[in-house]
């Protein structure tokens, strides 16, 4: 009689309790797994690395060769030369489109150190307002030479061609600039999103430029 009563009690009360506890254990385990996966994904997202690629294209713009840019190549002289050519072109070119020129100067400031911004660029643009110059003429930059002086310093020369608004050349001058750069590769995607035009993390820390020949060539 006792065994029968015990069996009935187990069937009615104990087994449902045990089953409920088992489901609680399974549910708790699943919640723990989900939490661990979420933490792991968060860590992976925050450790996302930017990997620049070299893409070679043909004359039609079709990709012919793609390869990862190795970290040792990020400070390659060719990369820095291209960066500084573009830097000078954006910083000193004068065009008649004010919106494009503002965008160009914004990019120049984004890759310039605070010292360069405050102690060089601000003063130069205050004394030589490119937007006022654009009301009379345009200015084209034609690079001519590039010299590496050390791992961080470079010397560049170029010709500036001034044209009136009809397109006639009115003046040509030879200029040079000295740069000191720093290379800080982006560590995560957020930096690349903030500065999409500087994937290599090159910044101008010190800068000076001057005209080489005091007597510019006037065109008549």
C-alpha atoms as a PDB file:
ATOM      1  CA  UNK A   1       0.000   0.000   0.000  1.00  0.00           C
ATOM      2  CA  UNK A   2       2.827   2.399   0.918  1.00  0.00           C
ATOM      3  CA  UNK A   3       4.648   1.784  -2.331  1.00  0.00           C
ATOM      4  CA  UNK A   4       1.500   2.398  -4.326  1.00  0.00           C
ATOM      5  CA  UNK A   5       0.828   5.689  -2.540  1.00  0.00           C
ATOM      6  CA  UNK A   6       4.460   6.765  -3.030  1.00  0.00           C
ATOM      7  CA  UNK A   7       4.322   5.939  -6.707  1.00  0.00           C
ATOM      8  CA  UNK A   8       1.133   7.946  -7.136  1.00  0.00           C
ATOM      9  CA  UNK A   9       2.706  10.901  -5.282  1.00  0.00           C
ATOM     10  CA  UNK A  10       5.774  10.796  -7.512  1.00  0.00           C
ATOM     11  CA  UNK A  11       3.639  10.726 -10.614  1.00  0.00           C
ATOM     12  CA  UNK A  12       1.445  13.603  -9.475  1.00  0.00           C
ATOM     13  CA  UNK A  13       3.924  15.902  -7.730  1.00  0.00           C
ATOM     14  CA  UNK A  14       7.605  14.940  -7.882  1.00  0.00           C
ATOM     15  CA  UNK A  15       7.993  14.306 -11.607  1.00  0.00           C
ATOM     16  CA  UNK A  16       6.475  17.658 -12.688  1.00  0.00           C
ATOM     17  CA  UNK A  17       8.731  19.420 -10.194  1.00  0.00           C
ATOM     18  CA  UNK A  18      11.786  17.618 -11.520  1.00  0.00           C
ATOM     19  CA  UNK A  19      10.768  18.357 -15.134  1.00  0.00           C
ATOM     20  CA  UNK A  20      10.267  22.036 -14.302  1.00  0.00           C
ATOM     21  CA  UNK A  21      13.682  22.208 -12.702  1.00  0.00           C
ATOM     22  CA  UNK A  22      15.274  20.567 -15.724  1.00  0.00           C
ATOM     23  CA  UNK A  23      13.646  23.102 -18.041  1.00  0.00           C
ATOM     24  CA  UNK A  24      14.866  25.896 -15.782  1.00  0.00           C
ATOM     25  CA  UNK A  25      18.402  24.554 -16.017  1.00  0.00           C
ATOM     26  CA  UNK A  26      18.156  24.329 -19.827  1.00  0.00           C
ATOM     27  CA  UNK A  27      16.699  27.841 -20.087  1.00  0.00           C
ATOM     28  CA  UNK A  28      19.350  29.261 -17.795  1.00  0.00           C
ATOM     29  CA  UNK A  29      22.065  27.591 -19.865  1.00  0.00           C
ATOM     30  CA  UNK A  30      20.657  29.033 -23.090  1.00  0.00           C
ATOM     31  CA  UNK A  31      20.490  32.535 -21.588  1.00  0.00           C
ATOM     32  CA  UNK A  32      24.109  32.207 -20.453  1.00  0.00           C
ATOM     33  CA  UNK A  33      25.194  31.098 -23.947  1.00  0.00           C
ATOM     34  CA  UNK A  34      23.372  34.066 -25.540  1.00  0.00           C
ATOM     35  CA  UNK A  35      25.033  36.476 -23.102  1.00  0.00           C
ATOM     36  CA  UNK A  36      28.464  35.011 -23.802  1.00  0.00           C
ATOM     37  CA  UNK A  37      27.912  35.276 -27.567  1.00  0.00           C
ATOM     38  CA  UNK A  38      26.790  38.903 -27.168  1.00  0.00           C
ATOM     39  CA  UNK A  39      29.887  39.796 -25.150  1.00  0.00           C
ATOM     40  CA  UNK A  40      32.098  38.028 -27.686  1.00  0.00           C
ATOM     41  CA  UNK A  41      30.499  39.888 -30.601  1.00  0.00           C
ATOM     42  CA  UNK A  42      30.918  43.207 -28.779  1.00  0.00           C
ATOM     43  CA  UNK A  43      34.621  42.503 -28.248  1.00  0.00           C
ATOM     44  CA  UNK A  44      35.089  41.501 -31.884  1.00  0.00           C
ATOM     45  CA  UNK A  45      33.324  44.657 -33.136  1.00  0.00           C
ATOM     46  CA  UNK A  46      35.484  46.899 -30.982  1.00  0.00           C
ATOM     47  CA  UNK A  47      38.610  45.118 -32.162  1.00  0.00           C
ATOM     48  CA  UNK A  48      37.715  45.525 -35.846  1.00  0.00           C
ATOM     49  CA  UNK A  49      40.824  46.382 -37.842  1.00  0.00           C
ATOM     50  CA  UNK A  50      41.057  48.466 -41.000  1.00  0.00           C
ATOM     51  CA  UNK A  51      42.988  46.583 -43.693  1.00  0.00           C
ATOM     52  CA  UNK A  52      43.931  48.823 -46.662  1.00  0.00           C
ATOM     53  CA  UNK A  53      44.172  47.166 -50.076  1.00  0.00           C
ATOM     54  CA  UNK A  54      46.144  48.065 -53.165  1.00  0.00           C
ATOM     55  CA  UNK A  55      43.938  48.044 -56.263  1.00  0.00           C
ATOM     56  CA  UNK A  56      45.503  48.342 -59.709  1.00  0.00           C
ATOM     57  CA  UNK A  57      43.134  49.424 -62.493  1.00  0.00           C
ATOM     58  CA  UNK A  58      43.444  49.629 -66.245  1.00  0.00           C
ATOM     59  CA  UNK A  59      42.711  52.672 -68.411  1.00  0.00           C
ATOM     60  CA  UNK A  60      38.978  51.892 -68.224  1.00  0.00           C
ATOM     61  CA  UNK A  61      38.968  51.799 -64.436  1.00  0.00           C
ATOM     62  CA  UNK A  62      38.577  48.012 -64.193  1.00  0.00           C
ATOM     63  CA  UNK A  63      40.367  46.272 -61.326  1.00  0.00           C
ATOM     64  CA  UNK A  64      43.311  44.213 -62.595  1.00  0.00           C
ATOM     65  CA  UNK A  65      45.143  43.429 -59.354  1.00  0.00           C
ATOM     66  CA  UNK A  66      44.102  43.478 -55.691  1.00  0.00           C
ATOM     67  CA  UNK A  67      46.384  42.798 -52.737  1.00  0.00           C
ATOM     68  CA  UNK A  68      46.593  43.645 -49.049  1.00  0.00           C
ATOM     69  CA  UNK A  69      48.750  46.617 -48.156  1.00  0.00           C
ATOM     70  CA  UNK A  70      51.338  45.337 -45.720  1.00  0.00           C
ATOM     71  CA  UNK A  71      52.027  47.451 -42.644  1.00  0.00           C
ATOM     72  CA  UNK A  72      55.640  47.945 -43.734  1.00  0.00           C
ATOM     73  CA  UNK A  73      54.386  49.682 -46.896  1.00  0.00           C
ATOM     74  CA  UNK A  74      52.175  52.217 -45.107  1.00  0.00           C
ATOM     75  CA  UNK A  75      55.133  54.590 -44.629  1.00  0.00           C
ATOM     76  CA  UNK A  76      56.531  53.910 -48.089  1.00  0.00           C
ATOM     77  CA  UNK A  77      57.975  57.018 -49.714  1.00  0.00           C
ATOM     78  CA  UNK A  78      55.720  56.636 -52.760  1.00  0.00           C
ATOM     79  CA  UNK A  79      52.602  56.739 -50.577  1.00  0.00           C
ATOM     80  CA  UNK A  80      53.815  59.807 -48.672  1.00  0.00           C
ATOM     81  CA  UNK A  81      54.808  61.568 -51.904  1.00  0.00           C
ATOM     82  CA  UNK A  82      51.335  61.057 -53.351  1.00  0.00           C
ATOM     83  CA  UNK A  83      49.798  62.259 -50.092  1.00  0.00           C
ATOM     84  CA  UNK A  84      51.912  65.458 -50.002  1.00  0.00           C
ATOM     85  CA  UNK A  85      51.303  66.201 -53.702  1.00  0.00           C
ATOM     86  CA  UNK A  86      47.589  66.083 -52.996  1.00  0.00           C
ATOM     87  CA  UNK A  87      48.021  68.086 -49.804  1.00  0.00           C
ATOM     88  CA  UNK A  88      49.734  70.972 -51.619  1.00  0.00           C
ATOM     89  CA  UNK A  89      47.285  70.798 -54.505  1.00  0.00           C
ATOM     90  CA  UNK A  90      44.327  71.127 -52.130  1.00  0.00           C
ATOM     91  CA  UNK A  91      46.005  73.721 -49.894  1.00  0.00           C
ATOM     92  CA  UNK A  92      47.173  76.125 -52.609  1.00  0.00           C
ATOM     93  CA  UNK A  93      44.964  75.614 -55.672  1.00  0.00           C
ATOM     94  CA  UNK A  94      42.476  78.395 -56.334  1.00  0.00           C
ATOM     95  CA  UNK A  95      39.316  77.634 -58.310  1.00  0.00           C
ATOM     96  CA  UNK A  96      36.092  79.497 -58.973  1.00  0.00           C
ATOM     97  CA  UNK A  97      33.867  76.961 -57.197  1.00  0.00           C
ATOM     98  CA  UNK A  98      33.688  78.140 -53.561  1.00  0.00           C
ATOM     99  CA  UNK A  99      31.983  74.980 -52.298  1.00  0.00           C
ATOM    100  CA  UNK A 100      34.664  72.701 -53.729  1.00  0.00           C
ATOM    101  CA  UNK A 101      37.403  74.964 -52.396  1.00  0.00           C
ATOM    102  CA  UNK A 102      35.866  74.879 -48.895  1.00  0.00           C
ATOM    103  CA  UNK A 103      35.772  71.085 -49.090  1.00  0.00           C
ATOM    104  CA  UNK A 104      39.435  71.051 -50.146  1.00  0.00           C
ATOM    105  CA  UNK A 105      40.521  73.268 -47.252  1.00  0.00           C
ATOM    106  CA  UNK A 106      38.478  71.162 -44.835  1.00  0.00           C
ATOM    107  CA  UNK A 107      40.413  68.087 -45.939  1.00  0.00           C
ATOM    108  CA  UNK A 108      43.721  69.949 -45.561  1.00  0.00           C
ATOM    109  CA  UNK A 109      42.862  70.917 -41.989  1.00  0.00           C
ATOM    110  CA  UNK A 110      41.718  67.370 -41.150  1.00  0.00           C
ATOM    111  CA  UNK A 111      45.200  65.979 -41.907  1.00  0.00           C
ATOM    112  CA  UNK A 112      47.143  68.894 -40.372  1.00  0.00           C
ATOM    113  CA  UNK A 113      48.374  69.007 -36.791  1.00  0.00           C
ATOM    114  CA  UNK A 114      47.082  71.703 -34.420  1.00  0.00           C
ATOM    115  CA  UNK A 115      50.414  73.498 -34.624  1.00  0.00           C
ATOM    116  CA  UNK A 116      50.214  73.661 -38.429  1.00  0.00           C
ATOM    117  CA  UNK A 117      46.600  74.841 -38.313  1.00  0.00           C
ATOM    118  CA  UNK A 118      47.094  77.588 -35.740  1.00  0.00           C
ATOM    119  CA  UNK A 119      50.617  78.765 -36.503  1.00  0.00           C
ATOM    120  CA  UNK A 120      50.749  78.463 -40.276  1.00  0.00           C
ATOM    121  CA  UNK A 121      47.550  77.817 -42.227  1.00  0.00           C
ATOM    122  CA  UNK A 122      45.336  80.286 -40.350  1.00  0.00           C
ATOM    123  CA  UNK A 123      47.821  83.118 -40.805  1.00  0.00           C
ATOM    124  CA  UNK A 124      48.483  82.350 -44.440  1.00  0.00           C
ATOM    125  CA  UNK A 125      44.822  82.196 -45.433  1.00  0.00           C
ATOM    126  CA  UNK A 126      44.091  85.379 -43.497  1.00  0.00           C
ATOM    127  CA  UNK A 127      46.775  87.233 -45.459  1.00  0.00           C
ATOM    128  CA  UNK A 128      46.026  85.508 -48.797  1.00  0.00           C
ATOM    129  CA  UNK A 129      42.266  84.945 -48.906  1.00  0.00           C
ATOM    130  CA  UNK A 130      41.796  82.339 -51.669  1.00  0.00           C
ATOM    131  CA  UNK A 131      38.120  83.239 -52.091  1.00  0.00           C
ATOM    132  CA  UNK A 132      39.014  86.847 -52.908  1.00  0.00           C
ATOM    133  CA  UNK A 133      41.794  85.683 -55.230  1.00  0.00           C
ATOM    134  CA  UNK A 134      39.267  83.468 -57.043  1.00  0.00           C
ATOM    135  CA  UNK A 135      37.302  86.574 -58.027  1.00  0.00           C
ATOM    136  CA  UNK A 136      40.169  87.585 -60.338  1.00  0.00           C
ATOM    137  CA  UNK A 137      42.155  84.471 -61.194  1.00  0.00           C
ATOM    138  CA  UNK A 138      42.681  80.748 -60.662  1.00  0.00           C
ATOM    139  CA  UNK A 139      45.827  78.972 -59.512  1.00  0.00           C
ATOM    140  CA  UNK A 140      47.033  75.594 -60.772  1.00  0.00           C
ATOM    141  CA  UNK A 141      49.663  73.460 -59.002  1.00  0.00           C
ATOM    142  CA  UNK A 142      52.142  71.440 -61.097  1.00  0.00           C
ATOM    143  CA  UNK A 143      54.551  69.310 -58.975  1.00  0.00           C
ATOM    144  CA  UNK A 144      58.144  69.216 -60.209  1.00  0.00           C
ATOM    145  CA  UNK A 145      60.341  67.490 -57.605  1.00  0.00           C
ATOM    146  CA  UNK A 146      60.235  65.606 -54.318  1.00  0.00           C
ATOM    147  CA  UNK A 147      63.113  64.889 -51.930  1.00  0.00           C
ATOM    148  CA  UNK A 148      63.144  62.712 -48.823  1.00  0.00           C
ATOM    149  CA  UNK A 149      65.350  64.336 -46.187  1.00  0.00           C
ATOM    150  CA  UNK A 150      64.704  61.881 -43.345  1.00  0.00           C
ATOM    151  CA  UNK A 151      62.142  59.292 -42.324  1.00  0.00           C
ATOM    152  CA  UNK A 152      59.730  62.087 -41.370  1.00  0.00           C
ATOM    153  CA  UNK A 153      60.812  65.181 -43.332  1.00  0.00           C
ATOM    154  CA  UNK A 154      60.384  65.911 -47.039  1.00  0.00           C
ATOM    155  CA  UNK A 155      61.048  68.757 -49.463  1.00  0.00           C
ATOM    156  CA  UNK A 156      58.770  69.390 -52.421  1.00  0.00           C
ATOM    157  CA  UNK A 157      58.898  71.859 -55.323  1.00  0.00           C
ATOM    158  CA  UNK A 158      56.186  72.836 -57.756  1.00  0.00           C
ATOM    159  CA  UNK A 159      55.150  75.434 -60.321  1.00  0.00           C
ATOM    160  CA  UNK A 160      52.102  77.634 -59.800  1.00  0.00           C
ATOM    161  CA  UNK A 161      50.288  78.798 -62.908  1.00  0.00           C
ATOM    162  CA  UNK A 162      47.914  81.727 -62.470  1.00  0.00           C
ATOM    163  CA  UNK A 163      45.191  82.310 -65.066  1.00  0.00           C
ATOM    164  CA  UNK A 164      42.647  85.066 -65.433  1.00  0.00           C
ATOM    165  CA  UNK A 165      38.966  84.158 -65.540  1.00  0.00           C
ATOM    166  CA  UNK A 166      39.124  83.781 -69.321  1.00  0.00           C
ATOM    167  CA  UNK A 167      41.765  81.050 -68.953  1.00  0.00           C
ATOM    168  CA  UNK A 168      44.770  83.110 -70.114  1.00  0.00           C
ATOM    169  CA  UNK A 169      48.018  82.488 -68.221  1.00  0.00           C
ATOM    170  CA  UNK A 170      49.062  85.684 -66.421  1.00  0.00           C
ATOM    171  CA  UNK A 171      51.828  84.484 -64.096  1.00  0.00           C
ATOM    172  CA  UNK A 172      54.072  81.509 -63.321  1.00  0.00           C
ATOM    173  CA  UNK A 173      56.011  81.028 -60.089  1.00  0.00           C
ATOM    174  CA  UNK A 174      58.256  78.346 -58.597  1.00  0.00           C
ATOM    175  CA  UNK A 175      57.505  77.317 -55.004  1.00  0.00           C
ATOM    176  CA  UNK A 176      58.850  74.887 -52.438  1.00  0.00           C
ATOM    177  CA  UNK A 177      57.594  73.414 -49.151  1.00  0.00           C
ATOM    178  CA  UNK A 178      59.154  71.555 -46.254  1.00  0.00           C
ATOM    179  CA  UNK A 179      57.073  68.974 -44.397  1.00  0.00           C
ATOM    180  CA  UNK A 180      57.413  66.910 -41.267  1.00  0.00           C
ATOM    181  CA  UNK A 181      54.876  64.087 -41.188  1.00  0.00           C
ATOM    182  CA  UNK A 182      53.619  61.501 -38.725  1.00  0.00           C
ATOM    183  CA  UNK A 183      52.074  58.171 -39.690  1.00  0.00           C
ATOM    184  CA  UNK A 184      49.339  56.878 -37.366  1.00  0.00           C
ATOM    185  CA  UNK A 185      47.513  53.969 -39.090  1.00  0.00           C
ATOM    186  CA  UNK A 186      43.790  53.767 -38.214  1.00  0.00           C
ATOM    187  CA  UNK A 187      43.220  51.221 -35.440  1.00  0.00           C
ATOM    188  CA  UNK A 188      39.526  50.670 -36.062  1.00  0.00           C
ATOM    189  CA  UNK A 189      36.780  51.406 -38.560  1.00  0.00           C
ATOM    190  CA  UNK A 190      35.450  54.427 -36.652  1.00  0.00           C
ATOM    191  CA  UNK A 191      38.610  56.429 -37.401  1.00  0.00           C
ATOM    192  CA  UNK A 192      38.374  55.575 -41.090  1.00  0.00           C
ATOM    193  CA  UNK A 193      34.712  56.627 -41.083  1.00  0.00           C
ATOM    194  CA  UNK A 194      35.707  59.974 -39.549  1.00  0.00           C
ATOM    195  CA  UNK A 195      38.614  60.525 -41.966  1.00  0.00           C
ATOM    196  CA  UNK A 196      37.739  58.485 -45.082  1.00  0.00           C
ATOM    197  CA  UNK A 197      40.184  60.401 -47.289  1.00  0.00           C
ATOM    198  CA  UNK A 198      43.193  59.470 -45.155  1.00  0.00           C
ATOM    199  CA  UNK A 199      43.236  55.648 -44.987  1.00  0.00           C
ATOM    200  CA  UNK A 200      46.981  55.510 -44.285  1.00  0.00           C
ATOM    201  CA  UNK A 201      46.853  57.824 -41.275  1.00  0.00           C
ATOM    202  CA  UNK A 202      49.403  60.377 -42.563  1.00  0.00           C
ATOM    203  CA  UNK A 203      49.412  63.790 -40.857  1.00  0.00           C
ATOM    204  CA  UNK A 204      51.432  66.972 -41.425  1.00  0.00           C
ATOM    205  CA  UNK A 205      52.992  68.001 -38.104  1.00  0.00           C
ATOM    206  CA  UNK A 206      55.178  70.861 -39.343  1.00  0.00           C
ATOM    207  CA  UNK A 207      54.992  72.884 -42.537  1.00  0.00           C
ATOM    208  CA  UNK A 208      56.533  75.859 -44.285  1.00  0.00           C
ATOM    209  CA  UNK A 209      56.415  77.021 -47.897  1.00  0.00           C
ATOM    210  CA  UNK A 210      57.961  79.871 -49.845  1.00  0.00           C
ATOM    211  CA  UNK A 211      58.531  81.134 -53.356  1.00  0.00           C
ATOM    212  CA  UNK A 212      61.856  79.995 -54.833  1.00  0.00           C
ATOM    213  CA  UNK A 213      62.444  82.752 -57.366  1.00  0.00           C
ATOM    214  CA  UNK A 214      61.687  86.301 -56.235  1.00  0.00           C
ATOM    215  CA  UNK A 215      61.036  87.359 -59.822  1.00  0.00           C
ATOM    216  CA  UNK A 216      57.950  85.594 -61.152  1.00  0.00           C
ATOM    217  CA  UNK A 217      57.314  85.302 -64.863  1.00  0.00           C
ATOM    218  CA  UNK A 218      54.579  87.689 -65.934  1.00  0.00           C
ATOM    219  CA  UNK A 219      52.661  86.698 -69.058  1.00  0.00           C
ATOM    220  CA  UNK A 220      51.572  89.462 -71.423  1.00  0.00           C
END
